[in-house]
């Protein structure tokens, strides 16, 4: 079976075979179309990872500020873990810095939807824009 046919039938074998073809300089035999798609998807997955971590961070900051009586080690731990992972993603993908404010806005919207549902509050109870700046979100000492 050639490298192109493997894509739909055995992805792991497809990846291995194409890696071997590229390493051996036989790119003309590789499934370049699908390879290009997979590389593009890798970048999208990294950006989704940044978005998801920002959602989780903002969600916990909102809960931290809205429910001071429920603050606990678990929320603090989640905030620290997400911040460190976000910093790592930004370091490994410096191109994300240009769109970081847009990702924050998208993540804030998702975090508010989650917190509003969990706390049974109206969306109108929350600011229309994220109350946390980029420096706040990345500052390990900031809890709001």
Foldseek 3Di string as FASTA:
>chain_A
DALVVCVVPPVVVSVVVQVVCVVVVNNVRHPVVVVVVVVVVVVVVLLVVLLVLLLQLLLLLVCCVVPVVPDDPVSLVSLLVSLVVNVVSCVVPVVCVVCVLVSNFVSNVVSLVVNCVVVVHDSVVDDNGRPADPCLSNDSVHSD
